[in-house]
PDB file of N, CA and C in Angstrom:
ATOM      1  N   MET A   1      58.160 -24.901  15.711  1.00  0.00           N
ATOM      2  CA  MET A   1      58.798 -24.584  16.496  1.00  0.00           C
ATOM      3  C   MET A   1      59.973 -25.309  16.564  1.00  0.00           C
ATOM      4  N   PRO A   2      61.035 -24.594  16.274  1.00  0.00           N
ATOM      5  CA  PRO A   2      62.148 -25.034  16.497  1.00  0.00           C
ATOM      6  C   PRO A   2      62.831 -26.123  17.207  1.00  0.00           C
ATOM      7  N   LEU A   3      63.515 -27.012  16.972  1.00  0.00           N
ATOM      8  CA  LEU A   3      63.903 -27.992  17.810  1.00  0.00           C
ATOM      9  C   LEU A   3      65.348 -27.700  18.487  1.00  0.00           C
ATOM     10  N   LYS A   4      65.234 -27.892  19.793  1.00  0.00           N
ATOM     11  CA  LYS A   4      66.255 -27.318  20.578  1.00  0.00           C
ATOM     12  C   LYS A   4      67.222 -28.908  20.686  1.00  0.00           C
ATOM     13  N   LEU A   5      68.311 -28.748  20.711  1.00  0.00           N
ATOM     14  CA  LEU A   5      69.632 -29.791  21.014  1.00  0.00           C
ATOM     15  C   LEU A   5      70.138 -29.265  22.271  1.00  0.00           C
ATOM     16  N   ARG A   6      71.003 -29.926  22.592  1.00  0.00           N
ATOM     17  CA  ARG A   6      71.872 -30.121  23.859  1.00  0.00           C
ATOM     18  C   ARG A   6      72.632 -30.856  23.662  1.00  0.00           C
ATOM     19  N   LYS A   7      74.093 -31.103  23.676  1.00  0.00           N
ATOM     20  CA  LYS A   7      75.213 -31.840  23.800  1.00  0.00           C
ATOM     21  C   LYS A   7      75.310 -32.864  25.535  1.00  0.00           C
ATOM     22  N   VAL A   8      75.200 -34.087  25.523  1.00  0.00           N
ATOM     23  CA  VAL A   8      75.272 -34.664  26.770  1.00  0.00           C
ATOM     24  C   VAL A   8      76.182 -35.803  26.357  1.00  0.00           C
ATOM     25  N   ASP A   9      77.475 -35.264  27.015  1.00  0.00           N
ATOM     26  CA  ASP A   9      78.503 -36.619  26.975  1.00  0.00           C
ATOM     27  C   ASP A   9      78.908 -36.804  25.232  1.00  0.00           C
ATOM     28  N   GLY A  10      79.126 -36.085  24.798  1.00  0.00           N
ATOM     29  CA  GLY A  10      79.521 -36.233  23.454  1.00  0.00           C
ATOM     30  C   GLY A  10      78.564 -36.755  22.778  1.00  0.00           C
ATOM     31  N   ALA A  11      77.115 -36.505  22.969  1.00  0.00           N
ATOM     32  CA  ALA A  11      75.856 -36.283  22.013  1.00  0.00           C
ATOM     33  C   ALA A  11      74.872 -36.183  21.650  1.00  0.00           C
ATOM     34  N   TRP A  12      74.451 -35.129  20.759  1.00  0.00           N
ATOM     35  CA  TRP A  12      72.885 -34.210  20.761  1.00  0.00           C
ATOM     36  C   TRP A  12      71.894 -34.848  20.864  1.00  0.00           C
ATOM     37  N   LYS A  13      71.133 -34.213  21.957  1.00  0.00           N
ATOM     38  CA  LYS A  13      69.835 -35.019  22.469  1.00  0.00           C
ATOM     39  C   LYS A  13      69.124 -33.590  22.167  1.00  0.00           C
ATOM     40  N   LEU A  14      67.967 -34.509  22.048  1.00  0.00           N
ATOM     41  CA  LEU A  14      66.648 -33.638  21.506  1.00  0.00           C
ATOM     42  C   LEU A  14      65.704 -33.470  23.172  1.00  0.00           C
ATOM     43  N   ARG A  15      65.719 -31.753  23.038  1.00  0.00           N
ATOM     44  CA  ARG A  15      64.649 -31.668  24.642  1.00  0.00           C
ATOM     45  C   ARG A  15      63.222 -31.950  24.478  1.00  0.00           C
ATOM     46  N   ILE A  16      62.730 -33.306  24.473  1.00  0.00           N
ATOM     47  CA  ILE A  16      61.295 -33.492  23.917  1.00  0.00           C
ATOM     48  C   ILE A  16      60.252 -32.457  24.949  1.00  0.00           C
ATOM     49  N   THR A  17      60.541 -32.188  25.855  1.00  0.00           N
ATOM     50  CA  THR A  17      59.779 -30.871  26.598  1.00  0.00           C
ATOM     51  C   THR A  17      59.667 -29.840  25.726  1.00  0.00           C
ATOM     52  N   ASP A  18      60.428 -30.016  25.021  1.00  0.00           N
ATOM     53  CA  ASP A  18      60.690 -28.409  24.234  1.00  0.00           C
ATOM     54  C   ASP A  18      60.016 -28.605  22.772  1.00  0.00           C
ATOM     55  N   PHE A  19      59.629 -29.893  22.461  1.00  0.00           N
ATOM     56  CA  PHE A  19      58.601 -30.159  21.005  1.00  0.00           C
ATOM     57  C   PHE A  19      57.352 -30.027  21.552  1.00  0.00           C
ATOM     58  N   ALA A  20      56.815 -29.374  20.695  1.00  0.00           N
ATOM     59  CA  ALA A  20      55.651 -29.671  20.316  1.00  0.00           C
ATOM     60  C   ALA A  20      54.355 -29.691  21.245  1.00  0.00           C
ATOM     61  N   GLY A  21      54.735 -28.662  22.374  1.00  0.00           N
ATOM     62  CA  GLY A  21      53.857 -29.090  23.653  1.00  0.00           C
ATOM     63  C   GLY A  21      53.484 -29.849  24.807  1.00  0.00           C
ATOM     64  N   ALA A  22      55.004 -30.768  24.597  1.00  0.00           N
ATOM     65  CA  ALA A  22      55.119 -32.026  25.245  1.00  0.00           C
ATOM     66  C   ALA A  22      55.221 -31.404  26.737  1.00  0.00           C
ATOM     67  N   THR A  23      54.292 -32.454  27.360  1.00  0.00           N
ATOM     68  CA  THR A  23      54.071 -32.694  28.870  1.00  0.00           C
ATOM     69  C   THR A  23      54.154 -33.708  29.535  1.00  0.00           C
ATOM     70  N   PRO A  24      54.110 -33.852  30.301  1.00  0.00           N
ATOM     71  CA  PRO A  24      54.257 -35.110  31.242  1.00  0.00           C
ATOM     72  C   PRO A  24      53.126 -36.206  30.919  1.00  0.00           C
ATOM     73  N   SER A  25      51.947 -35.016  30.726  1.00  0.00           N
ATOM     74  CA  SER A  25      50.883 -36.035  30.731  1.00  0.00           C
ATOM     75  C   SER A  25      50.671 -36.845  28.751  1.00  0.00           C
ATOM     76  N   ASN A  26      51.512 -36.034  28.106  1.00  0.00           N
ATOM     77  CA  ASN A  26      51.438 -36.737  26.697  1.00  0.00           C
ATOM     78  C   ASN A  26      53.114 -36.913  26.019  1.00  0.00           C
ATOM     79  N   ILE A  27      53.577 -37.465  27.098  1.00  0.00           N
ATOM     80  CA  ILE A  27      55.468 -37.296  26.343  1.00  0.00           C
ATOM     81  C   ILE A  27      55.577 -38.433  25.641  1.00  0.00           C
ATOM     82  N   LEU A  28      54.997 -40.006  26.176  1.00  0.00           N
ATOM     83  CA  LEU A  28      54.706 -41.048  25.179  1.00  0.00           C
ATOM     84  C   LEU A  28      54.306 -40.965  23.676  1.00  0.00           C
ATOM     85  N   ALA A  29      52.816 -40.012  23.670  1.00  0.00           N
ATOM     86  CA  ALA A  29      52.468 -39.333  22.270  1.00  0.00           C
ATOM     87  C   ALA A  29      53.804 -39.155  21.734  1.00  0.00           C
ATOM     88  N   GLN A  30      54.276 -37.814  22.324  1.00  0.00           N
ATOM     89  CA  GLN A  30      55.039 -37.018  21.585  1.00  0.00           C
ATOM     90  C   GLN A  30      56.243 -38.162  21.252  1.00  0.00           C
ATOM     91  N   ILE A  31      57.158 -38.835  22.062  1.00  0.00           N
ATOM     92  CA  ILE A  31      58.444 -39.920  22.060  1.00  0.00           C
ATOM     93  C   ILE A  31      58.204 -40.331  20.398  1.00  0.00           C
ATOM     94  N   ASP A  32      56.472 -41.476  19.838  1.00  0.00           N
ATOM     95  CA  ASP A  32      56.404 -41.818  19.382  1.00  0.00           C
ATOM     96  C   ASP A  32      56.162 -41.242  17.988  1.00  0.00           C
ATOM     97  N   LEU A  33      55.375 -40.164  18.103  1.00  0.00           N
ATOM     98  CA  LEU A  33      55.575 -39.064  16.947  1.00  0.00           C
ATOM     99  C   LEU A  33      57.170 -38.599  16.124  1.00  0.00           C
ATOM    100  N   LEU A  34      58.108 -38.318  17.224  1.00  0.00           N
ATOM    101  CA  LEU A  34      59.639 -37.889  16.994  1.00  0.00           C
ATOM    102  C   LEU A  34      60.179 -39.003  16.539  1.00  0.00           C
ATOM    103  N   ARG A  35      59.859 -40.246  17.313  1.00  0.00           N
ATOM    104  CA  ARG A  35      59.834 -41.938  16.219  1.00  0.00           C
ATOM    105  C   ARG A  35      59.834 -42.004  14.483  1.00  0.00           C
ATOM    106  N   GLN A  36      58.599 -41.033  14.591  1.00  0.00           N
ATOM    107  CA  GLN A  36      58.018 -41.227  13.453  1.00  0.00           C
ATOM    108  C   GLN A  36      58.507 -40.643  11.987  1.00  0.00           C
ATOM    109  N   LEU A  37      58.718 -38.826  12.928  1.00  0.00           N
ATOM    110  CA  LEU A  37      59.514 -38.105  12.263  1.00  0.00           C
ATOM    111  C   LEU A  37      61.006 -38.389  11.585  1.00  0.00           C
ATOM    112  N   ALA A  38      61.504 -39.585  12.419  1.00  0.00           N
ATOM    113  CA  ALA A  38      62.780 -39.698  12.153  1.00  0.00           C
ATOM    114  C   ALA A  38      62.801 -40.656  11.175  1.00  0.00           C
ATOM    115  N   GLN A  39      61.995 -41.526  11.118  1.00  0.00           N
ATOM    116  CA  GLN A  39      61.398 -42.678  10.173  1.00  0.00           C
ATOM    117  C   GLN A  39      61.314 -42.004   8.637  1.00  0.00           C
ATOM    118  N   ILE A  40      60.294 -41.082   8.858  1.00  0.00           N
ATOM    119  CA  ILE A  40      60.142 -40.464   7.546  1.00  0.00           C
ATOM    120  C   ILE A  40      61.279 -39.630   7.088  1.00  0.00           C
ATOM    121  N   LEU A  41      62.323 -39.024   8.080  1.00  0.00           N
ATOM    122  CA  LEU A  41      63.354 -38.579   7.360  1.00  0.00           C
ATOM    123  C   LEU A  41      64.328 -39.462   6.818  1.00  0.00           C
ATOM    124  N   SER A  42      64.346 -40.438   7.631  1.00  0.00           N
ATOM    125  CA  SER A  42      65.493 -41.907   6.633  1.00  0.00           C
ATOM    126  C   SER A  42      64.665 -42.446   5.819  1.00  0.00           C
ATOM    127  N   ASP A  43      63.484 -42.308   5.697  1.00  0.00           N
ATOM    128  CA  ASP A  43      62.863 -43.226   4.194  1.00  0.00           C
ATOM    129  C   ASP A  43      63.279 -42.079   3.189  1.00  0.00           C
ATOM    130  N   THR A  44      62.855 -41.256   3.226  1.00  0.00           N
ATOM    131  CA  THR A  44      62.878 -39.842   2.262  1.00  0.00           C
ATOM    132  C   THR A  44      64.383 -39.594   2.035  1.00  0.00           C
ATOM    133  N   ALA A  45      65.939 -39.756   2.919  1.00  0.00           N
ATOM    134  CA  ALA A  45      66.851 -39.859   2.573  1.00  0.00           C
ATOM    135  C   ALA A  45      66.769 -41.068   2.001  1.00  0.00           C
ATOM    136  N   SER A  46      67.065 -42.116   2.018  1.00  0.00           N
ATOM    137  CA  SER A  46      66.854 -43.730   1.406  1.00  0.00           C
ATOM    138  C   SER A  46      66.179 -43.214  -0.003  1.00  0.00           C
ATOM    139  N   ALA A  47      65.062 -42.836   0.150  1.00  0.00           N
ATOM    140  CA  ALA A  47      64.434 -42.598  -1.803  1.00  0.00           C
ATOM    141  C   ALA A  47      65.447 -41.997  -2.592  1.00  0.00           C
ATOM    142  N   ILE A  48      65.825 -40.739  -2.279  1.00  0.00           N
ATOM    143  CA  ILE A  48      66.963 -39.991  -2.500  1.00  0.00           C
ATOM    144  C   ILE A  48      68.424 -40.601  -2.996  1.00  0.00           C
ATOM    145  N   SER A  49      68.575 -41.255  -2.142  1.00  0.00           N
ATOM    146  CA  SER A  49      69.782 -41.986  -2.391  1.00  0.00           C
ATOM    147  C   SER A  49      69.530 -43.044  -3.345  1.00  0.00           C
ATOM    148  N   ALA A  50      68.599 -43.522  -3.361  1.00  0.00           N
ATOM    149  CA  ALA A  50      67.867 -45.069  -4.540  1.00  0.00           C
ATOM    150  C   ALA A  50      67.747 -44.376  -5.900  1.00  0.00           C
ATOM    151  N   GLY A  51      67.718 -43.014  -6.091  1.00  0.00           N
ATOM    152  CA  GLY A  51      67.282 -42.441  -7.143  1.00  0.00           C
ATOM    153  C   GLY A  51      65.794 -41.927  -7.538  1.00  0.00           C
ATOM    154  N   LYS A  52      65.009 -42.448  -6.593  1.00  0.00           N
ATOM    155  CA  LYS A  52      63.196 -42.229  -6.350  1.00  0.00           C
ATOM    156  C   LYS A  52      62.966 -40.907  -6.588  1.00  0.00           C
ATOM    157  N   LEU A  53      63.644 -39.934  -5.720  1.00  0.00           N
ATOM    158  CA  LEU A  53      63.523 -38.643  -5.835  1.00  0.00           C
ATOM    159  C   LEU A  53      64.136 -37.812  -6.383  1.00  0.00           C
ATOM    160  N   THR A  54      64.192 -37.243  -7.608  1.00  0.00           N
ATOM    161  CA  THR A  54      65.599 -36.707  -8.344  1.00  0.00           C
ATOM    162  C   THR A  54      65.098 -35.156  -7.874  1.00  0.00           C
ATOM    163  N   THR A  55      64.666 -34.432  -7.412  1.00  0.00           N
ATOM    164  CA  THR A  55      64.474 -32.753  -7.412  1.00  0.00           C
ATOM    165  C   THR A  55      64.271 -32.568  -5.858  1.00  0.00           C
ATOM    166  N   PRO A  56      64.570 -31.683  -5.312  1.00  0.00           N
ATOM    167  CA  PRO A  56      64.504 -31.130  -4.177  1.00  0.00           C
ATOM    168  C   PRO A  56      62.358 -31.125  -4.323  1.00  0.00           C
ATOM    169  N   GLU A  57      61.792 -30.777  -5.138  1.00  0.00           N
ATOM    170  CA  GLU A  57      60.478 -30.569  -5.033  1.00  0.00           C
ATOM    171  C   GLU A  57      59.927 -31.764  -4.698  1.00  0.00           C
ATOM    172  N   GLN A  58      60.592 -32.761  -5.416  1.00  0.00           N
ATOM    173  CA  GLN A  58      59.912 -34.563  -5.029  1.00  0.00           C
ATOM    174  C   GLN A  58      60.398 -34.693  -4.238  1.00  0.00           C
ATOM    175  N   ALA A  59      61.463 -34.833  -3.253  1.00  0.00           N
ATOM    176  CA  ALA A  59      62.005 -34.945  -1.911  1.00  0.00           C
ATOM    177  C   ALA A  59      61.028 -34.109  -1.132  1.00  0.00           C
ATOM    178  N   GLN A  60      60.625 -32.774  -1.040  1.00  0.00           N
ATOM    179  CA  GLN A  60      59.452 -32.354  -0.099  1.00  0.00           C
ATOM    180  C   GLN A  60      58.264 -32.439  -0.155  1.00  0.00           C
ATOM    181  N   ALA A  61      58.092 -32.516  -1.056  1.00  0.00           N
ATOM    182  CA  ALA A  61      56.594 -33.024  -1.635  1.00  0.00           C
ATOM    183  C   ALA A  61      56.110 -34.415  -0.860  1.00  0.00           C
ATOM    184  N   ALA A  62      57.254 -35.254  -0.838  1.00  0.00           N
ATOM    185  CA  ALA A  62      57.516 -37.150  -0.056  1.00  0.00           C
ATOM    186  C   ALA A  62      57.399 -36.540   0.929  1.00  0.00           C
ATOM    187  N   PHE A  63      58.322 -35.825   1.641  1.00  0.00           N
ATOM    188  CA  PHE A  63      58.376 -35.558   3.020  1.00  0.00           C
ATOM    189  C   PHE A  63      57.194 -34.993   3.736  1.00  0.00           C
ATOM    190  N   GLN A  64      56.600 -34.262   2.981  1.00  0.00           N
ATOM    191  CA  GLN A  64      55.594 -33.198   3.439  1.00  0.00           C
ATOM    192  C   GLN A  64      54.350 -33.696   3.766  1.00  0.00           C
ATOM    193  N   ASP A  65      54.445 -35.314   2.246  1.00  0.00           N
ATOM    194  CA  ASP A  65      52.953 -35.683   2.465  1.00  0.00           C
ATOM    195  C   ASP A  65      52.603 -37.231   3.271  1.00  0.00           C
ATOM    196  N   ARG A  66      54.266 -37.662   3.979  1.00  0.00           N
ATOM    197  CA  ARG A  66      53.999 -38.665   5.383  1.00  0.00           C
ATOM    198  C   ARG A  66      53.908 -37.990   6.262  1.00  0.00           C
ATOM    199  N   PHE A  67      54.826 -36.271   6.780  1.00  0.00           N
ATOM    200  CA  PHE A  67      54.837 -36.049   7.284  1.00  0.00           C
ATOM    201  C   PHE A  67      53.744 -35.768   8.123  1.00  0.00           C
ATOM    202  N   ASN A  68      52.910 -34.729   7.122  1.00  0.00           N
ATOM    203  CA  ASN A  68      51.140 -34.345   7.452  1.00  0.00           C
ATOM    204  C   ASN A  68      50.330 -35.399   7.860  1.00  0.00           C
ATOM    205  N   ALA A  69      50.450 -36.833   6.965  1.00  0.00           N
ATOM    206  CA  ALA A  69      49.642 -37.704   7.724  1.00  0.00           C
ATOM    207  C   ALA A  69      49.861 -38.189   8.944  1.00  0.00           C
ATOM    208  N   ALA A  70      51.291 -38.542   9.438  1.00  0.00           N
ATOM    209  CA  ALA A  70      51.433 -38.776  10.871  1.00  0.00           C
ATOM    210  C   ALA A  70      51.185 -37.598  11.909  1.00  0.00           C
ATOM    211  N   MET A  71      51.074 -36.675  11.310  1.00  0.00           N
ATOM    212  CA  MET A  71      50.329 -35.471  12.397  1.00  0.00           C
ATOM    213  C   MET A  71      49.011 -35.438  12.292  1.00  0.00           C
ATOM    214  N   ILE A  72      48.171 -35.756  11.066  1.00  0.00           N
ATOM    215  CA  ILE A  72      46.839 -35.815  11.448  1.00  0.00           C
ATOM    216  C   ILE A  72      46.802 -37.112  12.130  1.00  0.00           C
ATOM    217  N   ASN A  73      47.231 -38.218  11.972  1.00  0.00           N
ATOM    218  CA  ASN A  73      47.380 -39.238  12.783  1.00  0.00           C
ATOM    219  C   ASN A  73      47.022 -39.177  14.308  1.00  0.00           C
ATOM    220  N   ALA A  74      48.329 -38.004  14.605  1.00  0.00           N
ATOM    221  CA  ALA A  74      48.811 -38.149  16.410  1.00  0.00           C
ATOM    222  C   ALA A  74      47.346 -37.025  16.719  1.00  0.00           C
ATOM    223  N   VAL A  75      46.867 -36.511  16.249  1.00  0.00           N
ATOM    224  CA  VAL A  75      45.327 -35.609  17.091  1.00  0.00           C
ATOM    225  C   VAL A  75      44.126 -35.933  16.845  1.00  0.00           C
ATOM    226  N   LYS A  76      44.380 -37.090  15.413  1.00  0.00           N
ATOM    227  CA  LYS A  76      42.871 -38.256  15.631  1.00  0.00           C
ATOM    228  C   LYS A  76      42.080 -38.266  17.602  1.00  0.00           C
ATOM    229  N   PRO A  77      40.873 -38.268  17.718  1.00  0.00           N
ATOM    230  CA  PRO A  77      40.912 -39.422  18.915  1.00  0.00           C
ATOM    231  C   PRO A  77      40.755 -40.681  18.825  1.00  0.00           C
ATOM    232  N   ALA A  78      41.164 -41.042  20.077  1.00  0.00           N
ATOM    233  CA  ALA A  78      41.447 -42.183  20.107  1.00  0.00           C
ATOM    234  C   ALA A  78      39.978 -43.210  20.045  1.00  0.00           C
ATOM    235  N   THR A  79      39.037 -42.811  20.036  1.00  0.00           N
ATOM    236  CA  THR A  79      37.922 -43.497  20.040  1.00  0.00           C
ATOM    237  C   THR A  79      36.329 -42.404  19.117  1.00  0.00           C
ATOM    238  N   LYS A  80      35.700 -43.398  18.588  1.00  0.00           N
ATOM    239  CA  LYS A  80      34.829 -42.825  18.001  1.00  0.00           C
ATOM    240  C   LYS A  80      33.231 -42.466  18.756  1.00  0.00           C
ATOM    241  N   PRO A  81      32.724 -41.091  18.221  1.00  0.00           N
ATOM    242  CA  PRO A  81      31.688 -41.199  19.077  1.00  0.00           C
ATOM    243  C   PRO A  81      30.392 -41.889  19.097  1.00  0.00           C
ATOM    244  N   ALA A  82      29.545 -42.327  19.681  1.00  0.00           N
ATOM    245  CA  ALA A  82      29.038 -43.605  20.135  1.00  0.00           C
ATOM    246  C   ALA A  82      27.496 -43.380  19.103  1.00  0.00           C
ATOM    247  N   THR A  83      27.705 -44.380  18.793  1.00  0.00           N
ATOM    248  CA  THR A  83      26.135 -43.846  17.727  1.00  0.00           C
ATOM    249  C   THR A  83      24.613 -44.067  18.363  1.00  0.00           C
ATOM    250  N   ARG A  84      23.617 -43.582  17.810  1.00  0.00           N
ATOM    251  CA  ARG A  84      22.225 -43.914  18.136  1.00  0.00           C
ATOM    252  C   ARG A  84      21.638 -45.138  17.265  1.00  0.00           C
ATOM    253  N   ALA A  85      20.733 -45.746  18.554  1.00  0.00           N
ATOM    254  CA  ALA A  85      20.020 -46.626  17.730  1.00  0.00           C
ATOM    255  C   ALA A  85      18.911 -46.203  17.453  1.00  0.00           C
ATOM    256  N   SER A  86      18.735 -46.805  15.775  1.00  0.00           N
ATOM    257  CA  SER A  86      17.185 -45.932  15.260  1.00  0.00           C
ATOM    258  C   SER A  86      16.285 -46.592  15.725  1.00  0.00           C
TER     259      SER A  86
END
C-alpha cells in the first residue's frame, strides 16, 4: 500500500491511519512499526554510506531482511498457547 503524506505547516506528515490498516485500536502498534521502519531505513543508509553495502542488490537484501523480521514480529501473538500437563 502506498504511503500517503500531507504537508502541514511546511513539514511532511505521514497519515498513520492510511498505513497498513491502522485503526484506533491498533494505532500504537502501527506507530511502533513505522518507527522500526524508519530505523531500518536509516541503518541501511548508514551501511551504504560506510561502504558496507556496495551494490543496490546488497542494500535491497539488507533492508528486506530487516523489514521482513520487523513485520513478522509485528504479527506474532503476544502470548503462547497454554500447554497441557502430561
